[in-house]
N, C-alpha and C. Protein backbone atom coordinates (compact mmCIF):
# COMPACT_ATOMS: atom_id res chain seq x y z
N UNK A 1 98.31 26.55 -103.26
CA UNK A 1 97.43 27.52 -103.94
C UNK A 1 98.04 28.11 -105.14
N UNK A 2 96.93 28.32 -105.91
CA UNK A 2 97.10 29.09 -107.46
C UNK A 2 97.40 30.27 -107.37
N UNK A 3 98.20 31.11 -108.35
CA UNK A 3 97.98 32.33 -108.53
C UNK A 3 96.69 33.00 -108.58
N UNK A 4 95.59 32.41 -109.20
CA UNK A 4 94.34 32.70 -109.69
C UNK A 4 93.67 32.79 -108.09
N UNK A 5 93.77 31.88 -107.21
CA UNK A 5 93.27 31.65 -105.94
C UNK A 5 93.80 32.91 -105.17
N UNK A 6 95.27 32.88 -105.14
CA UNK A 6 95.75 34.26 -104.58
C UNK A 6 95.15 35.60 -104.87
N UNK A 7 94.97 35.76 -106.08
CA UNK A 7 94.51 36.97 -106.53
C UNK A 7 93.13 37.12 -106.22
N UNK A 8 92.28 36.23 -106.30
CA UNK A 8 90.68 36.04 -106.15
C UNK A 8 90.60 36.43 -104.46
N UNK A 9 91.54 35.95 -103.61
CA UNK A 9 91.53 36.22 -102.11
C UNK A 9 91.94 37.84 -102.20
N UNK A 10 92.94 38.38 -102.89
CA UNK A 10 93.67 39.80 -102.76
C UNK A 10 92.25 40.78 -103.03
N UNK A 11 91.77 40.41 -104.28
CA UNK A 11 90.47 41.41 -104.48
C UNK A 11 89.66 41.43 -103.60
N UNK A 12 89.52 40.30 -102.75
CA UNK A 12 88.40 40.28 -101.88
C UNK A 12 88.82 41.34 -100.15
N UNK A 13 90.19 41.68 -100.51
CA UNK A 13 90.64 42.37 -99.35
C UNK A 13 91.49 41.45 -98.22
N UNK A 14 91.88 40.34 -98.90
CA UNK A 14 92.70 39.79 -97.80
C UNK A 14 94.13 40.12 -97.81
N UNK A 15 94.77 39.66 -96.82
CA UNK A 15 96.12 40.16 -96.72
C UNK A 15 96.94 38.69 -96.80
N UNK A 16 98.44 38.84 -97.13
CA UNK A 16 99.18 37.68 -97.24
C UNK A 16 100.38 37.75 -96.70
N UNK A 17 100.97 36.57 -96.13
CA UNK A 17 102.33 36.30 -95.99
C UNK A 17 103.04 35.74 -96.97
N UNK A 18 104.13 36.24 -97.50
CA UNK A 18 104.58 36.12 -98.85
C UNK A 18 106.14 35.99 -98.97
N UNK A 19 106.95 35.64 -99.91
CA UNK A 19 108.27 35.81 -100.09
C UNK A 19 108.16 36.77 -100.99
N UNK A 20 109.44 37.71 -100.62
CA UNK A 20 109.55 38.81 -101.88
C UNK A 20 110.92 38.38 -102.35
N UNK A 21 111.63 39.54 -103.08
CA UNK A 21 113.02 39.26 -103.64
C UNK A 21 113.92 39.74 -102.43
N UNK A 22 113.39 39.89 -101.53
CA UNK A 22 114.38 40.37 -100.11
C UNK A 22 113.86 39.43 -99.21
N UNK A 23 113.10 39.58 -98.37
CA UNK A 23 112.66 38.74 -97.00
C UNK A 23 111.45 38.62 -96.97
N UNK A 24 110.94 37.86 -96.15
CA UNK A 24 109.48 37.50 -95.94
C UNK A 24 108.61 38.62 -95.90
N UNK A 25 107.43 38.92 -96.50
CA UNK A 25 106.82 40.21 -96.71
C UNK A 25 105.36 39.83 -96.19
N UNK A 26 104.63 41.28 -95.80
CA UNK A 26 103.17 41.05 -95.49
C UNK A 26 102.69 41.81 -96.89
N UNK A 27 101.91 41.60 -97.30
CA UNK A 27 101.35 42.30 -98.65
C UNK A 27 99.65 42.21 -98.63
N UNK A 28 99.16 42.85 -99.71
CA UNK A 28 97.90 43.00 -99.97
C UNK A 28 97.81 43.78 -101.52
N UNK A 29 96.25 43.93 -101.73
CA UNK A 29 96.15 44.70 -103.05
C UNK A 29 96.49 46.15 -102.46
N UNK A 30 97.34 46.56 -103.49
CA UNK A 30 97.79 48.33 -103.05
C UNK A 30 96.57 49.15 -103.22
N UNK A 31 95.54 48.52 -103.76
CA UNK A 31 94.57 49.55 -104.29
C UNK A 31 93.40 49.42 -103.42
N UNK A 32 93.52 48.53 -102.33
CA UNK A 32 92.58 48.39 -101.09
C UNK A 32 93.03 48.98 -99.87
N UNK A 33 92.13 50.05 -99.70
CA UNK A 33 92.73 50.65 -98.35
C UNK A 33 92.32 50.07 -97.16
N UNK A 34 91.09 49.15 -97.14
CA UNK A 34 90.80 48.30 -96.01
C UNK A 34 91.93 47.30 -95.71
N UNK A 35 92.37 46.79 -96.68
CA UNK A 35 93.42 45.82 -96.72
C UNK A 35 94.82 46.31 -96.24
N UNK A 36 94.98 47.44 -96.76
CA UNK A 36 96.12 48.33 -96.25
C UNK A 36 96.18 48.67 -94.73
N UNK A 37 95.02 48.82 -94.37
CA UNK A 37 94.66 49.21 -92.84
C UNK A 37 94.79 47.95 -91.93
N UNK A 38 94.49 46.69 -92.40
CA UNK A 38 94.68 45.46 -91.93
C UNK A 38 96.37 44.99 -91.64
N UNK A 39 97.13 45.44 -92.30
CA UNK A 39 98.54 45.37 -92.38
C UNK A 39 98.92 45.92 -91.27
N UNK A 40 98.60 47.54 -91.35
CA UNK A 40 98.84 48.23 -90.27
C UNK A 40 98.73 47.86 -88.69
N UNK A 41 97.30 47.17 -88.82
CA UNK A 41 96.78 46.67 -87.61
C UNK A 41 97.97 45.26 -87.20
N UNK A 42 98.08 44.43 -88.17
CA UNK A 42 99.01 43.32 -88.10
C UNK A 42 100.13 43.78 -87.40
N UNK A 43 100.90 44.89 -87.94
CA UNK A 43 101.98 45.08 -87.63
C UNK A 43 102.28 46.02 -86.44
N UNK A 44 101.09 46.43 -86.29
CA UNK A 44 101.05 47.52 -84.88
C UNK A 44 101.99 48.70 -85.23
N UNK A 45 101.64 49.07 -86.32
CA UNK A 45 102.73 49.98 -87.01
C UNK A 45 101.91 51.15 -87.17
N UNK A 46 102.59 52.38 -86.65
CA UNK A 46 101.88 53.99 -86.86
C UNK A 46 101.59 54.24 -88.25
N UNK A 47 100.24 54.49 -88.50
CA UNK A 47 99.77 55.09 -89.82
C UNK A 47 100.69 56.05 -90.50
N UNK A 48 101.44 56.83 -89.43
CA UNK A 48 102.27 57.72 -90.19
C UNK A 48 103.53 56.98 -90.85
N UNK A 49 103.83 56.00 -90.68
CA UNK A 49 105.15 55.28 -91.18
C UNK A 49 104.53 54.51 -92.73
N UNK A 50 104.71 54.85 -93.74
CA UNK A 50 104.36 54.32 -95.06
C UNK A 50 104.63 52.98 -95.34
N UNK A 51 104.03 52.24 -96.17
CA UNK A 51 104.53 51.08 -96.84
C UNK A 51 105.16 51.45 -98.38
N UNK A 52 106.04 50.37 -98.80
CA UNK A 52 106.42 50.59 -100.23
C UNK A 52 105.44 49.69 -100.91
N UNK A 53 105.46 49.88 -102.37
CA UNK A 53 104.75 48.94 -102.91
C UNK A 53 105.58 48.13 -103.98
N UNK A 54 105.38 47.13 -104.54
CA UNK A 54 106.02 46.34 -105.63
C UNK A 54 105.21 46.57 -106.96
N UNK A 55 105.88 46.66 -107.66
CA UNK A 55 105.25 46.73 -109.25
C UNK A 55 105.98 45.73 -110.15
N UNK A 56 105.33 45.36 -111.44
CA UNK A 56 106.05 44.20 -112.10
C UNK A 56 106.72 44.78 -113.31
N UNK A 57 106.28 45.92 -113.80
CA UNK A 57 106.77 46.12 -115.18
C UNK A 57 107.12 47.92 -115.21
N UNK A 58 108.24 48.25 -115.83
CA UNK A 58 108.29 49.56 -115.97
C UNK A 58 107.02 50.48 -116.39
N UNK A 59 106.10 49.85 -117.18
CA UNK A 59 104.86 50.47 -117.57
C UNK A 59 103.89 50.71 -116.37
N UNK A 60 103.91 49.77 -115.51
CA UNK A 60 103.16 49.94 -114.34
C UNK A 60 103.66 51.02 -113.12
N UNK A 61 104.79 50.75 -113.17
CA UNK A 61 105.72 51.95 -112.42
C UNK A 61 105.50 53.46 -113.19
N UNK A 62 105.51 53.52 -114.17
CA UNK A 62 105.41 54.67 -114.92
C UNK A 62 103.88 55.32 -114.93
N UNK A 63 102.64 54.42 -114.52
CA UNK A 63 101.51 54.72 -114.40
C UNK A 63 101.27 55.21 -113.00
N UNK A 64 102.45 55.05 -112.36
CA UNK A 64 102.16 55.72 -110.74
C UNK A 64 102.71 56.80 -110.40
N UNK A 65 104.14 56.79 -111.09
CA UNK A 65 104.84 58.05 -110.71
C UNK A 65 105.74 58.60 -111.98
N UNK A 66 106.13 59.72 -111.97
CA UNK A 66 107.06 60.17 -113.06
C UNK A 66 108.41 59.88 -112.75
N UNK A 67 109.00 59.02 -113.59
CA UNK A 67 110.18 58.29 -113.31
C UNK A 67 111.45 59.23 -113.94
N UNK A 68 112.34 59.46 -113.07
CA UNK A 68 113.35 60.47 -113.60
C UNK A 68 114.38 59.44 -114.27
N UNK A 69 114.99 60.07 -115.33
CA UNK A 69 115.84 59.29 -116.33
C UNK A 69 117.18 58.49 -115.17
N UNK A 70 117.35 59.21 -114.33
CA UNK A 70 118.38 58.61 -113.32
C UNK A 70 117.65 57.25 -112.63
N UNK A 71 116.57 57.29 -112.32
CA UNK A 71 115.83 56.07 -111.63
C UNK A 71 116.33 54.88 -112.51
N UNK A 72 116.15 55.07 -113.94
CA UNK A 72 116.44 53.79 -114.89
C UNK A 72 117.89 53.30 -114.60
N UNK A 73 118.79 54.46 -114.56
CA UNK A 73 120.07 54.13 -114.74
C UNK A 73 120.46 53.28 -113.07
N UNK A 74 119.77 53.62 -112.07
CA UNK A 74 120.23 53.34 -110.81
C UNK A 74 119.53 51.89 -110.89
N UNK A 75 118.38 51.54 -111.18
CA UNK A 75 117.81 50.26 -111.37
C UNK A 75 118.84 49.30 -112.07
N UNK A 76 119.30 49.71 -113.25
CA UNK A 76 120.18 49.07 -114.13
C UNK A 76 121.51 48.49 -113.50
N UNK A 77 121.93 49.55 -112.80
CA UNK A 77 123.22 49.19 -112.00
C UNK A 77 123.28 48.60 -110.84
N UNK A 78 122.23 48.87 -110.22
CA UNK A 78 122.05 48.15 -108.73
C UNK A 78 122.16 46.69 -108.79
N UNK A 79 122.82 46.15 -108.05
CA UNK A 79 123.14 44.74 -107.94
C UNK A 79 121.87 44.08 -107.04
N UNK A 80 121.74 44.57 -105.70
CA UNK A 80 120.54 44.12 -104.81
C UNK A 80 119.34 44.86 -105.09
N UNK A 81 118.21 44.33 -104.73
CA UNK A 81 117.11 45.13 -104.89
C UNK A 81 116.83 46.46 -104.35
N UNK A 82 116.35 47.32 -105.34
CA UNK A 82 116.35 48.78 -104.99
C UNK A 82 114.91 49.14 -104.92
N UNK A 83 114.55 49.94 -103.83
CA UNK A 83 113.26 50.60 -103.63
C UNK A 83 113.60 51.98 -104.01
N UNK A 84 113.02 52.74 -104.74
CA UNK A 84 113.07 54.38 -104.98
C UNK A 84 112.00 55.00 -104.31
N UNK A 85 112.29 56.12 -103.67
CA UNK A 85 111.17 57.10 -103.02
C UNK A 85 110.81 58.22 -104.13
N UNK A 86 109.69 58.09 -104.86
CA UNK A 86 109.35 59.00 -105.42
C UNK A 86 108.65 60.13 -104.92
N UNK A 87 108.38 61.46 -105.71
CA UNK A 87 107.28 62.42 -105.22
C UNK A 87 106.06 62.21 -106.20
N UNK A 88 105.17 62.67 -105.45
CA UNK A 88 103.64 62.81 -106.26
C UNK A 88 103.09 61.59 -106.82
N UNK A 89 102.89 60.53 -106.13
CA UNK A 89 102.33 59.41 -106.92
C UNK A 89 101.15 59.47 -107.47
N UNK A 90 100.51 58.95 -108.09
CA UNK A 90 99.06 59.30 -108.55
C UNK A 90 98.36 57.89 -108.76
N UNK A 91 97.07 57.87 -108.45
CA UNK A 91 96.21 56.74 -108.53
C UNK A 91 96.27 55.72 -107.55
N UNK A 92 97.22 55.92 -106.33
CA UNK A 92 97.07 55.00 -105.18
C UNK A 92 96.43 55.75 -104.19
N UNK A 93 95.69 54.84 -103.30
CA UNK A 93 95.00 55.18 -101.88
C UNK A 93 95.83 56.04 -100.98
N UNK A 94 95.51 57.07 -100.68
CA UNK A 94 95.78 58.06 -99.53
C UNK A 94 96.78 57.40 -98.56
N UNK A 95 96.11 56.24 -98.26
CA UNK A 95 96.77 55.42 -97.00
C UNK A 95 98.27 55.11 -97.27
N UNK A 96 98.39 54.63 -98.60
CA UNK A 96 100.01 54.54 -98.95
C UNK A 96 100.95 55.82 -99.22
N UNK A 97 100.52 56.83 -99.09
CA UNK A 97 101.06 57.97 -99.52
C UNK A 97 101.65 58.55 -98.08
N UNK A 98 102.87 58.84 -98.09
CA UNK A 98 103.74 59.32 -97.11
C UNK A 98 102.95 60.84 -97.00
N UNK A 99 103.25 61.55 -95.81
CA UNK A 99 102.89 62.65 -95.34
C UNK A 99 103.56 64.21 -96.38
N UNK A 100 104.78 63.55 -96.83
CA UNK A 100 105.52 64.41 -97.87
C UNK A 100 105.04 64.16 -99.19
N UNK A 101 103.96 63.61 -99.37
CA UNK A 101 103.55 63.32 -100.89
C UNK A 101 104.37 62.32 -101.67
N UNK A 102 105.03 61.16 -101.05
CA UNK A 102 106.29 60.39 -101.72
C UNK A 102 105.55 58.69 -101.32
N UNK A 103 106.12 57.84 -102.41
CA UNK A 103 105.81 56.48 -102.30
C UNK A 103 106.97 55.91 -102.36
N UNK A 104 107.57 54.77 -101.95
CA UNK A 104 108.56 53.96 -102.11
C UNK A 104 108.16 52.97 -103.03
N UNK A 105 108.88 52.71 -104.41
CA UNK A 105 108.35 51.63 -104.90
C UNK A 105 109.64 50.86 -105.45
N UNK A 106 109.34 49.40 -105.70
CA UNK A 106 110.29 48.47 -106.09
C UNK A 106 109.86 48.02 -107.26
N UNK A 107 110.79 47.92 -108.55
CA UNK A 107 110.31 47.15 -109.61
C UNK A 107 110.86 45.79 -109.21
N UNK A 108 110.09 44.77 -109.06
CA UNK A 108 110.50 43.52 -108.31
C UNK A 108 111.04 42.60 -109.81
N UNK A 109 111.76 41.78 -109.26
CA UNK A 109 112.55 40.75 -110.09
C UNK A 109 112.15 39.42 -109.51
N UNK A 110 111.38 39.26 -108.70
CA UNK A 110 110.90 38.02 -108.01
C UNK A 110 109.77 37.24 -108.96
N UNK A 111 109.93 36.23 -109.48
CA UNK A 111 109.12 35.52 -110.27
C UNK A 111 107.56 35.46 -109.84
N UNK A 112 107.38 35.06 -108.62
CA UNK A 112 106.27 35.10 -107.76
C UNK A 112 105.38 36.26 -107.78
N UNK A 113 106.04 37.17 -107.05
CA UNK A 113 105.61 38.53 -106.90
C UNK A 113 105.04 38.91 -108.57
N UNK A 114 105.91 38.82 -109.22
CA UNK A 114 105.74 39.15 -110.78
C UNK A 114 104.22 38.68 -111.13
N UNK A 115 103.92 37.41 -110.96
CA UNK A 115 102.96 36.71 -111.41
C UNK A 115 101.79 37.14 -110.62
N UNK A 116 101.88 37.38 -109.34
CA UNK A 116 100.77 37.75 -108.71
C UNK A 116 100.28 39.22 -109.12
N UNK A 117 101.10 40.27 -109.32
CA UNK A 117 101.06 41.42 -109.66
C UNK A 117 100.53 41.69 -111.20
N UNK A 118 100.55 40.47 -112.02
CA UNK A 118 100.31 40.58 -113.27
C UNK A 118 98.78 40.12 -113.42
N UNK A 119 98.58 39.33 -112.38
CA UNK A 119 97.25 38.70 -112.49
C UNK A 119 96.37 39.52 -111.65
N UNK A 120 96.66 40.23 -110.65
CA UNK A 120 96.03 41.22 -110.01
C UNK A 120 95.61 42.32 -110.72
N UNK A 121 96.72 43.11 -111.95
CA UNK A 121 96.56 44.15 -112.55
C UNK A 121 96.57 45.21 -111.60
N UNK A 122 97.51 45.03 -110.67
CA UNK A 122 97.94 46.27 -109.58
C UNK A 122 98.86 45.83 -108.92
N UNK A 123 99.67 46.85 -108.24
CA UNK A 123 100.61 46.84 -107.36
C UNK A 123 100.40 46.12 -106.03
N UNK A 124 101.32 45.63 -105.51
CA UNK A 124 101.00 45.11 -103.98
C UNK A 124 101.75 45.65 -102.99
N UNK A 125 101.08 45.66 -101.78
CA UNK A 125 101.87 46.25 -100.60
C UNK A 125 103.16 45.39 -100.33
N UNK A 126 104.22 45.87 -99.92
CA UNK A 126 105.25 44.88 -99.27
C UNK A 126 106.09 45.41 -98.13
N UNK A 127 105.91 44.85 -97.03
CA UNK A 127 106.50 45.26 -95.79
C UNK A 127 107.11 43.95 -95.11
N UNK A 128 107.79 44.13 -94.37
CA UNK A 128 108.62 42.81 -93.53
C UNK A 128 107.49 42.34 -92.78
N UNK A 129 107.44 40.99 -92.63
CA UNK A 129 106.41 40.49 -91.85
C UNK A 129 106.64 40.28 -90.17
N UNK A 130 106.83 41.50 -89.72
CA UNK A 130 107.30 41.52 -88.28
C UNK A 130 106.26 42.67 -87.75
N UNK A 131 106.09 42.33 -86.19
CA UNK A 131 105.75 43.47 -85.62
C UNK A 131 106.48 44.78 -85.55
N UNK A 132 106.03 45.66 -85.73
CA UNK A 132 106.90 47.05 -85.70
C UNK A 132 107.92 47.24 -84.79
N UNK A 133 109.07 47.24 -85.06
CA UNK A 133 110.28 47.38 -84.04
C UNK A 133 110.93 45.99 -83.78
N UNK A 134 110.12 44.85 -84.20
CA UNK A 134 110.97 43.70 -84.24
C UNK A 134 111.93 43.22 -85.23
N UNK A 135 112.95 42.56 -85.41
CA UNK A 135 113.90 42.27 -86.57
C UNK A 135 112.89 41.69 -87.78
N UNK A 136 113.29 42.11 -88.88
CA UNK A 136 112.69 41.42 -90.05
C UNK A 136 112.86 39.80 -90.23
N UNK A 137 111.77 39.28 -90.35
CA UNK A 137 112.16 37.80 -90.30
C UNK A 137 112.80 37.12 -91.95
N UNK A 138 113.65 36.39 -91.85
CA UNK A 138 114.22 35.62 -92.88
C UNK A 138 113.79 34.41 -93.28
N UNK A 139 113.20 33.88 -92.18
CA UNK A 139 112.39 32.34 -92.56
C UNK A 139 111.37 32.51 -91.43
N UNK A 140 110.29 31.39 -91.99
CA UNK A 140 109.02 31.29 -91.41
C UNK A 140 109.31 31.02 -89.99
N UNK A 141 110.19 30.39 -89.67
CA UNK A 141 110.40 30.05 -88.19
C UNK A 141 110.74 31.61 -87.19
N UNK A 142 111.19 32.64 -87.95
CA UNK A 142 111.46 33.90 -87.38
C UNK A 142 110.18 34.71 -87.47
N UNK A 143 109.04 34.38 -87.98
CA UNK A 143 107.86 35.20 -88.18
C UNK A 143 107.11 35.20 -86.54
N UNK A 144 106.75 36.21 -86.09
CA UNK A 144 105.92 36.16 -84.74
C UNK A 144 104.93 35.17 -85.25
N UNK A 145 104.46 34.40 -84.06
CA UNK A 145 103.26 33.56 -84.42
C UNK A 145 101.82 34.27 -84.33
N UNK A 146 101.76 35.61 -83.83
CA UNK A 146 100.57 36.47 -83.91
C UNK A 146 100.45 36.85 -85.35
N UNK A 147 101.26 37.12 -86.20
CA UNK A 147 101.53 37.30 -87.50
C UNK A 147 100.79 36.09 -88.36
N UNK A 148 101.28 35.31 -87.86
CA UNK A 148 100.90 34.17 -88.91
C UNK A 148 99.45 33.77 -88.47
N UNK A 149 99.00 33.95 -87.23
CA UNK A 149 97.40 33.91 -86.74
C UNK A 149 96.45 34.47 -87.48
N UNK A 150 97.13 35.84 -87.38
CA UNK A 150 96.25 36.92 -88.10
C UNK A 150 96.24 37.24 -89.54
N UNK A 151 97.06 36.94 -89.96
CA UNK A 151 97.27 37.19 -91.71
C UNK A 151 96.17 36.03 -92.56
N UNK A 152 95.41 36.54 -93.48
CA UNK A 152 94.62 36.08 -94.10
C UNK A 152 95.20 34.82 -94.79
N UNK A 153 96.25 35.16 -95.56
CA UNK A 153 96.87 33.69 -96.35
C UNK A 153 98.34 33.74 -96.29
N UNK A 154 98.61 32.19 -95.99
CA UNK A 154 100.18 32.12 -95.64
C UNK A 154 100.34 31.51 -96.81
N UNK A 155 101.45 32.03 -97.93
CA UNK A 155 101.40 31.29 -99.17
C UNK A 155 102.49 30.39 -98.97
N UNK A 156 102.28 28.80 -99.64
CA UNK A 156 103.17 27.84 -99.40
C UNK A 156 104.44 28.08 -99.61
N UNK A 157 104.89 28.96 -100.51
CA UNK A 157 106.43 29.16 -100.89
C UNK A 157 107.09 29.77 -99.58
N UNK A 158 106.27 30.26 -98.68
CA UNK A 158 107.14 30.87 -97.38
C UNK A 158 107.92 29.72 -96.68
N UNK A 159 107.07 28.60 -96.70
CA UNK A 159 107.48 27.79 -96.02
C UNK A 159 108.97 26.76 -96.42
N UNK A 160 109.63 27.23 -97.56
CA UNK A 160 110.95 26.79 -98.14
C UNK A 160 111.63 28.07 -98.85
N UNK A 161 111.08 29.13 -98.20
CA UNK A 161 111.75 30.52 -98.56
C UNK A 161 113.33 30.52 -98.12
N UNK A 162 114.09 30.86 -99.05
CA UNK A 162 115.45 31.23 -98.58
C UNK A 162 115.73 32.60 -99.08
N UNK A 163 116.02 33.74 -98.12
CA UNK A 163 116.34 34.79 -98.38
C UNK A 163 117.40 35.20 -99.52
N UNK A 164 117.14 35.70 -100.60
CA UNK A 164 118.22 36.00 -101.65
C UNK A 164 118.91 37.30 -101.55
N UNK A 165 118.43 38.26 -100.61
CA UNK A 165 119.06 39.38 -100.35
C UNK A 165 118.75 39.87 -99.09
N UNK A 166 119.29 40.82 -98.18
CA UNK A 166 119.26 41.39 -97.24
C UNK A 166 117.63 42.53 -97.79
N UNK A 167 117.43 43.27 -96.90
CA UNK A 167 116.38 44.43 -97.20
C UNK A 167 117.00 45.28 -98.48
N UNK A 168 115.78 45.85 -99.18
CA UNK A 168 116.54 46.63 -100.39
C UNK A 168 117.16 47.82 -99.82
N UNK A 169 118.03 48.19 -100.79
CA UNK A 169 118.59 49.59 -100.74
C UNK A 169 117.34 50.46 -101.04
N UNK A 170 117.41 51.65 -100.31
CA UNK A 170 116.31 52.66 -100.44
C UNK A 170 116.99 53.72 -100.69
N UNK A 171 116.62 54.40 -101.84
CA UNK A 171 117.21 55.88 -102.21
C UNK A 171 115.66 56.92 -102.69
N UNK A 172 116.16 57.92 -102.10
CA UNK A 172 115.00 59.23 -102.50
C UNK A 172 115.47 59.86 -103.66
N UNK A 173 114.46 59.97 -104.56
CA UNK A 173 114.91 60.74 -105.88
C UNK A 173 114.00 62.05 -105.82
N UNK A 174 114.53 63.35 -105.25
CA UNK A 174 113.45 64.35 -105.11
C UNK A 174 113.38 64.98 -106.45
N UNK A 175 112.28 66.05 -106.71
CA UNK A 175 112.13 66.76 -107.90
C UNK A 175 113.29 67.39 -107.97
N UNK A 176 114.09 67.97 -107.34
CA UNK A 176 114.99 68.76 -107.36
C UNK A 176 116.42 67.94 -107.84
N UNK A 177 116.13 66.66 -108.42
CA UNK A 177 117.14 65.91 -108.80
C UNK A 177 118.25 65.57 -107.51
N UNK A 178 117.92 65.98 -106.31
CA UNK A 178 118.76 65.32 -105.43
C UNK A 178 118.82 63.76 -105.08
N UNK A 179 119.73 63.16 -104.76
CA UNK A 179 119.78 61.77 -104.53
C UNK A 179 119.88 61.61 -103.06
N UNK A 180 119.16 60.84 -102.29
CA UNK A 180 119.52 60.51 -100.81
C UNK A 180 119.39 59.21 -100.54
N UNK A 181 120.73 58.71 -100.03
CA UNK A 181 120.50 57.18 -99.79
C UNK A 181 119.80 57.12 -98.06
N UNK A 182 118.73 56.23 -98.38
CA UNK A 182 117.90 56.24 -96.82
C UNK A 182 118.56 54.97 -96.26
N UNK A 183 118.87 53.79 -96.95
CA UNK A 183 119.40 52.52 -96.79
C UNK A 183 120.06 51.91 -97.33
N UNK A 184 121.38 51.59 -97.29
CA UNK A 184 122.06 50.76 -98.17
C UNK A 184 122.18 49.18 -98.10
């Protein structure tokens, strides 16, 4: 499947099983509330637990949140993928924003994810490809068959995906310049 075909389907509200810069993920167009709800339903995940989004460039990141200077330093120096939780995102569907008005965003380095985001011209949702509470799958063989049956697209790349990293480090950067490590 080409990037153009993937993007056409994402624009139509489809969900996808895809490789990320960490593990296998479930995703969709982050601007499509109905597609986001489909992922909540697929994962059997409570709506109160928000998803993260992937962006392709610093400019796209800055269009969604005010990025503190410290965030750029953390991204530069962190060796593994880094998700940062920011306050007060703008321009995203309410369904993606946590009750405390925050959103987790990762500036991805994965070439496939970057191509999809660039062609879509929007961030994509990224969450582990599992039923909520189950272990995160590292290979297609570990993905629950119910997920594979119900997701709209299974990208070819998942069949030969080798995880490059464990789940990302998650850090919360508050307005008060407090840094809180959520997951290392």
